[in-house]
Amino acid sequence: MVNNLEKDIKTISANPNFDNDNCLRTEEVYLENKLVHLLKVLAKNEKANMRAALATHGEKLGGIWTAINKEKKPHDLICRLKIPESNPSQYEQKSLRMADLARNYHDSLQKKDIRIQSAANCAADIERALDVIPVPQQLEDPQRSNMSRLATEAQVREAIKLLKNNTATGMDGCPYEL
């Protein structure tokens, strides 16, 4: 409603006859008064809702009390995505298909420039990388290092408990809870 009133006011004031037409100026003043009144009503309702929420929440920490001073951040809405390699350019506006486009694009970036090499080439690459490490930075006995030990089931469970919920581990898209 607020956006519609603002849009109407802007349309009326952009009219080329606005300065000479008393009817247009009167309508603009009327709409501005309606807008101010509506904003006051919305603020009053918000205040009443906050009072009710605080009354039901009580004096417990967290929840409503932390939300009072929290900065409200606007969300960036994506209205459409360009379909890759479409000529002429085409756009997708449905949320599910936009999600598919984004996921497929991300997957293609993950797989880009990946070359599969043989075990011998891989071992040779590792040896070359290890030869570059200066002697003072090398481990004295790599086989006795904590890094060479196998992880126990208890350590894996503990690590999984510390992970954030509803996040995927990789390209398979499976969440940690699975």
N, C-alpha and C. Protein backbone atom coordinates (compact mmCIF):
# COMPACT_ATOMS: atom_id res chain seq x y z
N MET A 1 0.83 -1.19 0.00
CA MET A 1 0.00 0.00 0.00
C MET A 1 0.88 1.26 0.00
N VAL A 2 1.92 1.26 0.85
CA VAL A 2 2.82 2.42 0.92
C VAL A 2 3.49 2.63 -0.43
N ASN A 3 3.97 1.53 -1.02
CA ASN A 3 4.65 1.65 -2.32
C ASN A 3 3.70 2.18 -3.39
N ASN A 4 2.46 1.74 -3.35
CA ASN A 4 1.49 2.22 -4.34
C ASN A 4 1.23 3.72 -4.19
N LEU A 5 1.10 4.17 -2.94
CA LEU A 5 0.89 5.60 -2.72
C LEU A 5 2.10 6.41 -3.19
N GLU A 6 3.29 5.94 -2.86
CA GLU A 6 4.50 6.65 -3.30
C GLU A 6 4.59 6.69 -4.81
N LYS A 7 4.25 5.59 -5.45
CA LYS A 7 4.27 5.52 -6.91
C LYS A 7 3.25 6.50 -7.51
N ASP A 8 2.05 6.55 -6.93
CA ASP A 8 1.03 7.48 -7.42
C ASP A 8 1.46 8.94 -7.25
N ILE A 9 2.07 9.25 -6.11
CA ILE A 9 2.54 10.62 -5.86
C ILE A 9 3.61 11.00 -6.88
N LYS A 10 4.52 10.06 -7.14
CA LYS A 10 5.59 10.33 -8.10
C LYS A 10 5.02 10.53 -9.51
N THR A 11 4.02 9.74 -9.86
CA THR A 11 3.39 9.87 -11.19
C THR A 11 2.69 11.21 -11.34
N ILE A 12 1.98 11.62 -10.30
CA ILE A 12 1.27 12.90 -10.36
C ILE A 12 2.24 14.06 -10.44
N SER A 13 3.31 14.03 -9.62
CA SER A 13 4.25 15.15 -9.62
C SER A 13 5.09 15.19 -10.90
N ALA A 14 5.18 14.07 -11.63
CA ALA A 14 5.93 14.06 -12.89
C ALA A 14 5.09 14.55 -14.06
N ASN A 15 3.81 14.74 -13.84
CA ASN A 15 2.92 15.22 -14.89
C ASN A 15 3.37 16.61 -15.34
N PRO A 16 3.50 16.86 -16.66
CA PRO A 16 3.96 18.17 -17.14
C PRO A 16 3.02 19.32 -16.76
N ASN A 17 1.76 19.05 -16.53
CA ASN A 17 0.80 20.10 -16.17
C ASN A 17 0.68 20.29 -14.66
N PHE A 18 1.53 19.66 -13.90
CA PHE A 18 1.41 19.65 -12.45
C PHE A 18 1.43 21.08 -11.86
N ASP A 19 2.34 21.92 -12.35
CA ASP A 19 2.46 23.28 -11.79
C ASP A 19 1.24 24.16 -12.08
N ASN A 20 0.54 23.88 -13.16
CA ASN A 20 -0.59 24.73 -13.55
C ASN A 20 -1.95 24.16 -13.15
N ASP A 21 -2.02 22.88 -12.86
CA ASP A 21 -3.30 22.22 -12.59
C ASP A 21 -3.52 22.09 -11.08
N ASN A 22 -4.47 22.87 -10.55
CA ASN A 22 -4.76 22.83 -9.11
C ASN A 22 -5.33 21.48 -8.69
N CYS A 23 -6.03 20.83 -9.57
CA CYS A 23 -6.62 19.52 -9.26
C CYS A 23 -5.52 18.49 -9.01
N LEU A 24 -4.48 18.50 -9.84
CA LEU A 24 -3.36 17.57 -9.65
C LEU A 24 -2.61 17.87 -8.35
N ARG A 25 -2.39 19.14 -8.07
CA ARG A 25 -1.67 19.50 -6.83
C ARG A 25 -2.49 19.12 -5.61
N THR A 26 -3.81 19.30 -5.68
CA THR A 26 -4.68 18.92 -4.56
C THR A 26 -4.65 17.40 -4.36
N GLU A 27 -4.68 16.68 -5.45
CA GLU A 27 -4.63 15.21 -5.35
C GLU A 27 -3.30 14.75 -4.75
N GLU A 28 -2.22 15.42 -5.13
CA GLU A 28 -0.91 15.05 -4.58
C GLU A 28 -0.88 15.30 -3.07
N VAL A 29 -1.38 16.44 -2.63
CA VAL A 29 -1.40 16.76 -1.19
C VAL A 29 -2.26 15.74 -0.45
N TYR A 30 -3.40 15.38 -1.04
CA TYR A 30 -4.28 14.39 -0.42
C TYR A 30 -3.56 13.04 -0.26
N LEU A 31 -2.87 12.60 -1.32
CA LEU A 31 -2.15 11.32 -1.26
C LEU A 31 -1.00 11.37 -0.26
N GLU A 32 -0.33 12.51 -0.18
CA GLU A 32 0.76 12.64 0.79
C GLU A 32 0.22 12.56 2.22
N ASN A 33 -0.91 13.19 2.46
CA ASN A 33 -1.54 13.10 3.79
C ASN A 33 -1.93 11.66 4.11
N LYS A 34 -2.49 10.95 3.11
CA LYS A 34 -2.85 9.54 3.30
C LYS A 34 -1.60 8.71 3.61
N LEU A 35 -0.51 9.01 2.91
CA LEU A 35 0.74 8.28 3.13
C LEU A 35 1.28 8.50 4.54
N VAL A 36 1.28 9.75 4.99
CA VAL A 36 1.75 10.06 6.35
C VAL A 36 0.88 9.35 7.38
N HIS A 37 -0.43 9.39 7.18
CA HIS A 37 -1.35 8.72 8.10
C HIS A 37 -1.09 7.21 8.11
N LEU A 38 -0.91 6.61 6.96
CA LEU A 38 -0.66 5.17 6.86
C LEU A 38 0.64 4.79 7.56
N LEU A 39 1.69 5.59 7.38
CA LEU A 39 2.97 5.32 8.04
C LEU A 39 2.82 5.40 9.56
N LYS A 40 2.04 6.36 10.05
CA LYS A 40 1.80 6.46 11.49
C LYS A 40 1.06 5.23 12.01
N VAL A 41 0.05 4.78 11.28
CA VAL A 41 -0.72 3.60 11.69
C VAL A 41 0.17 2.37 11.70
N LEU A 42 1.01 2.22 10.68
CA LEU A 42 1.91 1.07 10.63
C LEU A 42 2.91 1.09 11.79
N ALA A 43 3.44 2.27 12.12
CA ALA A 43 4.37 2.39 13.24
C ALA A 43 3.67 2.06 14.56
N LYS A 44 2.43 2.53 14.70
CA LYS A 44 1.67 2.24 15.92
C LYS A 44 1.40 0.75 16.05
N ASN A 45 1.04 0.09 14.95
CA ASN A 45 0.80 -1.35 14.96
C ASN A 45 2.08 -2.12 15.31
N GLU A 46 3.18 -1.69 14.74
CA GLU A 46 4.46 -2.35 15.02
C GLU A 46 4.83 -2.21 16.49
N LYS A 47 4.59 -1.03 17.04
CA LYS A 47 4.87 -0.80 18.45
C LYS A 47 3.98 -1.69 19.34
N ALA A 48 2.70 -1.81 18.98
CA ALA A 48 1.79 -2.65 19.75
C ALA A 48 2.18 -4.12 19.65
N ASN A 49 2.59 -4.55 18.47
CA ASN A 49 3.04 -5.93 18.30
C ASN A 49 4.29 -6.21 19.13
N MET A 50 5.20 -5.25 19.18
CA MET A 50 6.43 -5.42 19.97
C MET A 50 6.10 -5.49 21.45
N ARG A 51 5.19 -4.65 21.90
CA ARG A 51 4.77 -4.69 23.31
C ARG A 51 4.17 -6.05 23.66
N ALA A 52 3.32 -6.57 22.78
CA ALA A 52 2.70 -7.87 23.03
C ALA A 52 3.75 -8.98 23.04
N ALA A 53 4.69 -8.92 22.12
CA ALA A 53 5.74 -9.94 22.08
C ALA A 53 6.60 -9.88 23.33
N LEU A 54 6.94 -8.68 23.78
CA LEU A 54 7.75 -8.53 25.00
C LEU A 54 6.98 -9.02 26.23
N ALA A 55 5.67 -8.75 26.25
CA ALA A 55 4.86 -9.19 27.39
C ALA A 55 4.77 -10.71 27.46
N THR A 56 4.64 -11.35 26.31
CA THR A 56 4.54 -12.82 26.32
C THR A 56 5.90 -13.47 26.53
N HIS A 57 6.96 -12.81 26.11
CA HIS A 57 8.30 -13.38 26.22
C HIS A 57 8.82 -13.29 27.65
N GLY A 58 8.42 -12.27 28.35
CA GLY A 58 8.89 -12.07 29.72
C GLY A 58 10.26 -11.42 29.73
N GLU A 59 10.98 -11.60 30.85
CA GLU A 59 12.28 -10.97 30.98
C GLU A 59 13.42 -11.95 30.73
N LYS A 60 13.16 -12.99 29.95
CA LYS A 60 14.21 -13.94 29.60
C LYS A 60 15.13 -13.31 28.57
N LEU A 61 16.40 -13.63 28.68
CA LEU A 61 17.37 -13.12 27.70
C LEU A 61 17.18 -13.82 26.37
N GLY A 62 17.60 -13.16 25.32
CA GLY A 62 17.52 -13.74 24.00
C GLY A 62 16.19 -13.47 23.33
N GLY A 63 15.97 -14.09 22.18
CA GLY A 63 14.70 -13.96 21.46
C GLY A 63 14.35 -12.53 21.11
N ILE A 64 13.24 -12.06 21.66
CA ILE A 64 12.72 -10.72 21.35
C ILE A 64 13.72 -9.64 21.77
N TRP A 65 14.33 -9.81 22.92
CA TRP A 65 15.22 -8.76 23.44
C TRP A 65 16.43 -8.54 22.55
N THR A 66 16.96 -9.60 21.99
CA THR A 66 18.11 -9.42 21.10
C THR A 66 17.69 -8.92 19.74
N ALA A 67 16.45 -9.19 19.34
CA ALA A 67 15.97 -8.76 18.03
C ALA A 67 15.65 -7.26 18.00
N ILE A 68 15.46 -6.65 19.17
CA ILE A 68 15.07 -5.24 19.20
C ILE A 68 16.13 -4.36 18.55
N ASN A 69 17.38 -4.55 18.93
CA ASN A 69 18.45 -3.68 18.43
C ASN A 69 19.20 -4.26 17.26
N LYS A 70 18.77 -5.40 16.76
CA LYS A 70 19.46 -6.02 15.65
C LYS A 70 19.23 -5.22 14.38
N GLU A 71 20.31 -5.01 13.65
CA GLU A 71 20.22 -4.24 12.41
C GLU A 71 19.43 -5.02 11.37
N LYS A 72 18.48 -4.38 10.75
CA LYS A 72 17.68 -5.03 9.72
C LYS A 72 18.38 -4.86 8.38
N LYS A 73 18.74 -5.98 7.79
CA LYS A 73 19.46 -5.95 6.52
C LYS A 73 18.51 -6.27 5.38
N PRO A 74 18.55 -5.48 4.33
CA PRO A 74 17.67 -5.79 3.19
C PRO A 74 18.18 -7.03 2.46
N HIS A 75 17.26 -7.80 1.92
CA HIS A 75 17.62 -8.98 1.15
C HIS A 75 17.72 -8.59 -0.31
N ASP A 76 18.76 -9.11 -0.96
CA ASP A 76 18.91 -8.87 -2.38
C ASP A 76 18.06 -9.90 -3.12
N LEU A 77 17.00 -9.46 -3.73
CA LEU A 77 16.13 -10.36 -4.46
C LEU A 77 16.63 -10.49 -5.89
N ILE A 78 16.69 -11.72 -6.35
CA ILE A 78 17.07 -11.97 -7.73
C ILE A 78 15.79 -12.29 -8.49
N CYS A 79 15.42 -11.40 -9.38
CA CYS A 79 14.15 -11.55 -10.09
C CYS A 79 14.27 -12.49 -11.28
N ARG A 80 15.46 -12.59 -11.85
CA ARG A 80 15.65 -13.45 -13.00
C ARG A 80 17.12 -13.74 -13.20
N LEU A 81 17.41 -14.87 -13.87
CA LEU A 81 18.78 -15.25 -14.20
C LEU A 81 18.88 -15.47 -15.70
N LYS A 82 20.01 -15.08 -16.25
CA LYS A 82 20.24 -15.28 -17.67
C LYS A 82 20.57 -16.75 -17.90
N ILE A 83 19.94 -17.34 -18.89
CA ILE A 83 20.22 -18.73 -19.24
C ILE A 83 21.53 -18.74 -20.02
N PRO A 84 22.54 -19.50 -19.54
CA PRO A 84 23.85 -19.50 -20.20
C PRO A 84 23.77 -19.99 -21.65
N GLU A 85 24.59 -19.39 -22.47
CA GLU A 85 24.75 -19.77 -23.87
C GLU A 85 23.45 -19.71 -24.67
N SER A 86 22.54 -18.82 -24.29
CA SER A 86 21.31 -18.65 -25.07
C SER A 86 21.49 -17.45 -25.99
N ASN A 87 21.14 -17.65 -27.26
CA ASN A 87 21.29 -16.58 -28.22
C ASN A 87 20.02 -16.52 -29.06
N PRO A 88 19.22 -15.50 -29.01
CA PRO A 88 19.34 -14.29 -28.19
C PRO A 88 19.18 -14.60 -26.70
N SER A 89 19.61 -13.66 -25.88
CA SER A 89 19.58 -13.87 -24.43
C SER A 89 18.18 -14.20 -23.94
N GLN A 90 18.11 -15.24 -23.10
CA GLN A 90 16.85 -15.63 -22.50
C GLN A 90 17.05 -15.64 -20.99
N TYR A 91 15.96 -15.44 -20.26
CA TYR A 91 16.03 -15.33 -18.81
C TYR A 91 15.03 -16.28 -18.16
N GLU A 92 15.41 -16.77 -16.98
CA GLU A 92 14.55 -17.65 -16.20
C GLU A 92 14.03 -16.88 -15.00
N GLN A 93 12.73 -16.98 -14.72
CA GLN A 93 12.15 -16.23 -13.60
C GLN A 93 11.58 -17.13 -12.52
N LYS A 94 11.41 -18.41 -12.77
CA LYS A 94 10.86 -19.33 -11.77
C LYS A 94 11.96 -19.74 -10.80
N SER A 95 11.66 -19.69 -9.51
CA SER A 95 12.66 -19.91 -8.47
C SER A 95 13.34 -21.27 -8.58
N LEU A 96 12.57 -22.33 -8.78
CA LEU A 96 13.16 -23.67 -8.84
C LEU A 96 14.11 -23.81 -10.02
N ARG A 97 13.71 -23.28 -11.16
CA ARG A 97 14.59 -23.36 -12.34
C ARG A 97 15.81 -22.46 -12.17
N MET A 98 15.64 -21.32 -11.49
CA MET A 98 16.79 -20.46 -11.21
C MET A 98 17.79 -21.18 -10.30
N ALA A 99 17.27 -21.92 -9.32
CA ALA A 99 18.14 -22.69 -8.42
C ALA A 99 18.89 -23.76 -9.20
N ASP A 100 18.19 -24.42 -10.13
CA ASP A 100 18.85 -25.43 -10.97
C ASP A 100 19.95 -24.80 -11.82
N LEU A 101 19.66 -23.63 -12.41
CA LEU A 101 20.67 -22.93 -13.21
C LEU A 101 21.91 -22.61 -12.37
N ALA A 102 21.68 -22.07 -11.17
CA ALA A 102 22.81 -21.70 -10.30
C ALA A 102 23.60 -22.93 -9.89
N ARG A 103 22.91 -24.02 -9.53
CA ARG A 103 23.60 -25.24 -9.12
C ARG A 103 24.42 -25.81 -10.28
N ASN A 104 23.82 -25.89 -11.46
CA ASN A 104 24.53 -26.43 -12.62
C ASN A 104 25.75 -25.58 -12.97
N TYR A 105 25.60 -24.26 -12.88
CA TYR A 105 26.72 -23.36 -13.15
C TYR A 105 27.83 -23.59 -12.13
N HIS A 106 27.46 -23.70 -10.86
CA HIS A 106 28.45 -23.93 -9.81
C HIS A 106 29.16 -25.27 -10.03
N ASP A 107 28.40 -26.31 -10.36
CA ASP A 107 29.01 -27.62 -10.61
C ASP A 107 29.97 -27.58 -11.79
N SER A 108 29.58 -26.86 -12.84
CA SER A 108 30.47 -26.77 -14.00
C SER A 108 31.76 -26.03 -13.66
N LEU A 109 31.68 -25.02 -12.78
CA LEU A 109 32.89 -24.32 -12.35
C LEU A 109 33.78 -25.24 -11.53
N GLN A 110 33.16 -26.09 -10.69
CA GLN A 110 33.93 -27.02 -9.86
C GLN A 110 34.68 -28.03 -10.72
N LYS A 111 34.07 -28.45 -11.82
CA LYS A 111 34.67 -29.49 -12.65
C LYS A 111 35.57 -28.94 -13.75
N LYS A 112 35.58 -27.64 -13.92
CA LYS A 112 36.35 -27.01 -14.99
C LYS A 112 37.84 -27.20 -14.73
N ASP A 113 38.58 -27.51 -15.77
CA ASP A 113 40.03 -27.65 -15.73
C ASP A 113 40.52 -28.76 -14.81
N ILE A 114 39.69 -29.75 -14.52
CA ILE A 114 40.13 -30.90 -13.74
C ILE A 114 40.63 -31.94 -14.72
N ARG A 115 41.87 -32.35 -14.51
CA ARG A 115 42.41 -33.39 -15.38
C ARG A 115 42.71 -34.61 -14.51
N ILE A 116 42.34 -35.75 -15.01
CA ILE A 116 42.58 -36.99 -14.29
C ILE A 116 43.96 -37.50 -14.71
N GLN A 117 44.79 -37.78 -13.70
CA GLN A 117 46.14 -38.24 -14.01
C GLN A 117 46.39 -39.59 -13.36
N SER A 118 47.38 -40.25 -13.84
CA SER A 118 47.70 -41.58 -13.34
C SER A 118 48.33 -41.49 -11.95
N ALA A 119 48.36 -42.60 -11.24
CA ALA A 119 48.93 -42.64 -9.90
C ALA A 119 50.42 -42.29 -9.94
N ALA A 120 51.12 -42.70 -10.98
CA ALA A 120 52.56 -42.41 -11.09
C ALA A 120 52.78 -40.91 -11.25
N ASN A 121 51.98 -40.27 -12.11
CA ASN A 121 52.10 -38.81 -12.29
C ASN A 121 51.76 -38.08 -11.00
N CYS A 122 50.74 -38.56 -10.29
CA CYS A 122 50.33 -37.94 -9.03
C CYS A 122 51.45 -38.05 -8.00
N ALA A 123 52.07 -39.24 -7.90
CA ALA A 123 53.17 -39.44 -6.95
C ALA A 123 54.36 -38.55 -7.31
N ALA A 124 54.62 -38.39 -8.60
CA ALA A 124 55.73 -37.54 -9.04
C ALA A 124 55.44 -36.07 -8.68
N ASP A 125 54.20 -35.63 -8.86
CA ASP A 125 53.82 -34.25 -8.49
C ASP A 125 54.00 -34.03 -6.99
N ILE A 126 53.61 -35.01 -6.18
CA ILE A 126 53.76 -34.89 -4.72
C ILE A 126 55.24 -34.81 -4.35
N GLU A 127 56.06 -35.64 -4.96
CA GLU A 127 57.51 -35.61 -4.68
C GLU A 127 58.12 -34.26 -5.05
N ARG A 128 57.74 -33.71 -6.19
CA ARG A 128 58.25 -32.39 -6.59
C ARG A 128 57.84 -31.32 -5.59
N ALA A 129 56.59 -31.39 -5.12
CA ALA A 129 56.11 -30.40 -4.15
C ALA A 129 56.85 -30.54 -2.83
N LEU A 130 57.12 -31.77 -2.39
CA LEU A 130 57.81 -31.99 -1.13
C LEU A 130 59.27 -31.57 -1.20
N ASP A 131 59.88 -31.67 -2.37
CA ASP A 131 61.28 -31.27 -2.53
C ASP A 131 61.47 -29.77 -2.38
N VAL A 132 60.43 -29.00 -2.62
CA VAL A 132 60.52 -27.53 -2.56
C VAL A 132 60.47 -27.03 -1.11
N ILE A 133 59.96 -27.84 -0.18
CA ILE A 133 59.82 -27.42 1.22
C ILE A 133 61.21 -27.30 1.84
N PRO A 134 61.54 -26.14 2.45
CA PRO A 134 62.86 -25.98 3.09
C PRO A 134 63.04 -26.99 4.23
N VAL A 135 64.29 -27.40 4.48
CA VAL A 135 64.59 -28.42 5.49
C VAL A 135 64.12 -28.03 6.89
N PRO A 136 64.28 -26.76 7.33
CA PRO A 136 63.80 -26.43 8.69
C PRO A 136 62.29 -26.58 8.86
N GLN A 137 61.54 -26.53 7.77
CA GLN A 137 60.08 -26.62 7.85
C GLN A 137 59.58 -28.05 7.68
N GLN A 138 60.47 -28.99 7.41
CA GLN A 138 60.05 -30.37 7.22
C GLN A 138 59.88 -31.07 8.57
N LEU A 139 58.99 -32.07 8.63
CA LEU A 139 58.81 -32.86 9.83
C LEU A 139 60.01 -33.78 10.02
N GLU A 140 60.40 -33.96 11.30
CA GLU A 140 61.56 -34.83 11.57
C GLU A 140 61.25 -36.27 11.19
N ASP A 141 60.15 -36.80 11.67
CA ASP A 141 59.76 -38.17 11.36
C ASP A 141 58.29 -38.15 10.95
N PRO A 142 57.99 -38.03 9.64
CA PRO A 142 56.61 -37.89 9.19
C PRO A 142 55.71 -39.06 9.59
N GLN A 143 56.25 -40.26 9.73
CA GLN A 143 55.43 -41.42 10.08
C GLN A 143 54.92 -41.36 11.52
N ARG A 144 55.60 -40.59 12.40
CA ARG A 144 55.19 -40.49 13.80
C ARG A 144 54.31 -39.25 14.04
N SER A 145 54.07 -38.49 13.02
CA SER A 145 53.27 -37.26 13.14
C SER A 145 51.80 -37.59 13.38
N ASN A 146 51.09 -36.69 14.03
CA ASN A 146 49.65 -36.86 14.24
C ASN A 146 48.89 -36.91 12.92
N MET A 147 49.44 -36.29 11.90
CA MET A 147 48.78 -36.26 10.59
C MET A 147 48.76 -37.64 9.94
N SER A 148 49.69 -38.52 10.31
CA SER A 148 49.74 -39.84 9.67
C SER A 148 48.84 -40.86 10.36
N ARG A 149 48.29 -40.53 11.50
CA ARG A 149 47.41 -41.45 12.22
C ARG A 149 46.02 -41.45 11.60
N LEU A 150 45.35 -42.58 11.69
CA LEU A 150 43.98 -42.68 11.19
C LEU A 150 43.03 -42.04 12.20
N ALA A 151 41.99 -41.41 11.70
CA ALA A 151 40.99 -40.81 12.58
C ALA A 151 40.13 -41.90 13.19
N THR A 152 39.81 -41.73 14.47
CA THR A 152 38.95 -42.71 15.14
C THR A 152 37.48 -42.35 14.91
N GLU A 153 36.60 -43.31 15.15
CA GLU A 153 35.17 -43.06 14.98
C GLU A 153 34.69 -41.96 15.93
N ALA A 154 35.23 -41.95 17.14
CA ALA A 154 34.84 -40.92 18.12
C ALA A 154 35.25 -39.53 17.64
N GLN A 155 36.43 -39.42 17.03
CA GLN A 155 36.88 -38.12 16.51
C GLN A 155 35.99 -37.65 15.35
N VAL A 156 35.59 -38.58 14.50
CA VAL A 156 34.71 -38.24 13.37
C VAL A 156 33.35 -37.78 13.89
N ARG A 157 32.81 -38.50 14.88
CA ARG A 157 31.52 -38.10 15.47
C ARG A 157 31.60 -36.70 16.07
N GLU A 158 32.68 -36.44 16.80
CA GLU A 158 32.86 -35.12 17.43
C GLU A 158 32.96 -34.02 16.37
N ALA A 159 33.69 -34.30 15.29
CA ALA A 159 33.82 -33.32 14.21
C ALA A 159 32.47 -33.04 13.57
N ILE A 160 31.66 -34.08 13.37
CA ILE A 160 30.34 -33.89 12.75
C ILE A 160 29.43 -33.10 13.66
N LYS A 161 29.52 -33.31 14.98
CA LYS A 161 28.69 -32.55 15.92
C LYS A 161 28.99 -31.06 15.86
N LEU A 162 30.25 -30.72 15.56
CA LEU A 162 30.66 -29.31 15.53
C LEU A 162 30.27 -28.61 14.23
N LEU A 163 29.83 -29.35 13.22
CA LEU A 163 29.50 -28.76 11.93
C LEU A 163 28.16 -28.05 11.98
N LYS A 164 28.01 -27.09 11.12
CA LYS A 164 26.77 -26.32 11.03
C LYS A 164 25.71 -27.15 10.32
N ASN A 165 24.48 -27.14 10.85
CA ASN A 165 23.38 -27.90 10.26
C ASN A 165 22.92 -27.31 8.93
N ASN A 166 22.29 -28.13 8.12
CA ASN A 166 21.70 -27.74 6.83
C ASN A 166 22.72 -27.19 5.85
N THR A 167 23.95 -27.68 5.93
CA THR A 167 24.97 -27.29 4.95
C THR A 167 25.48 -28.55 4.27
N ALA A 168 25.84 -28.42 3.02
CA ALA A 168 26.31 -29.58 2.26
C ALA A 168 27.82 -29.67 2.31
N THR A 169 28.33 -30.89 2.25
CA THR A 169 29.77 -31.11 2.32
C THR A 169 30.46 -30.86 1.01
N GLY A 170 29.80 -31.06 -0.08
CA GLY A 170 30.47 -30.89 -1.36
C GLY A 170 29.50 -30.89 -2.51
N MET A 171 30.00 -31.35 -3.65
CA MET A 171 29.21 -31.29 -4.87
C MET A 171 28.03 -32.26 -4.85
N ASP A 172 28.07 -33.29 -3.99
CA ASP A 172 26.95 -34.23 -3.95
C ASP A 172 25.71 -33.61 -3.32
N GLY A 173 25.86 -32.52 -2.56
CA GLY A 173 24.72 -31.82 -2.00
C GLY A 173 24.14 -32.49 -0.76
N CYS A 174 24.78 -33.53 -0.26
CA CYS A 174 24.26 -34.22 0.95
C CYS A 174 24.62 -33.41 2.18
N PRO A 175 23.66 -33.14 3.07
CA PRO A 175 23.96 -32.37 4.28
C PRO A 175 24.73 -33.24 5.29
N TYR A 176 25.38 -32.59 6.23
CA TYR A 176 26.17 -33.29 7.25
C TYR A 176 25.31 -34.24 8.08
N GLU A 177 24.04 -33.86 8.33
CA GLU A 177 23.18 -34.70 9.16
C GLU A 177 23.01 -36.10 8.57
N LEU A 178 23.06 -36.19 7.25
CA LEU A 178 22.90 -37.49 6.59
C LEU A 178 24.03 -38.40 7.01
